[in-house]
Amino acid sequence: MRSDLAARVSAGSQLLRNSRIKFTAQDAAQLRAGEVDARVLATLAALSSQHSVSVIAFSDAAPGAAALYREVTVTSDAASNTGADLAPTWGW
């Protein structure tokens, strides 16, 4: 469990340094705390290799449950993107 948390915290820190992804203060705190599912972190890293995005919120299908955030809502950072663009708002 500790190594999994450490890996999520490390991946979250790397995403926070990624200039192609913007986060709210609350989302940044959730990343620093390791509260975001590793699959979401990997997906954001892959997405940022193709697009600049803003994370609107991390969430979960079961609010109040003791689980990692497994959903993310992102928007296109249209000012930074060229060529193909994301739909205005979408989530996993």
Foldseek 3Di string as FASTA:
>chain_A
DVVLLVVQLVLLVVVVVQPLEAEDPVVNVCSNRSQADPVVSVVVVVVSVQFRKYWPDFADPDPPDPHGRDKTKIAGPVVPDDDDTDDGIDMD
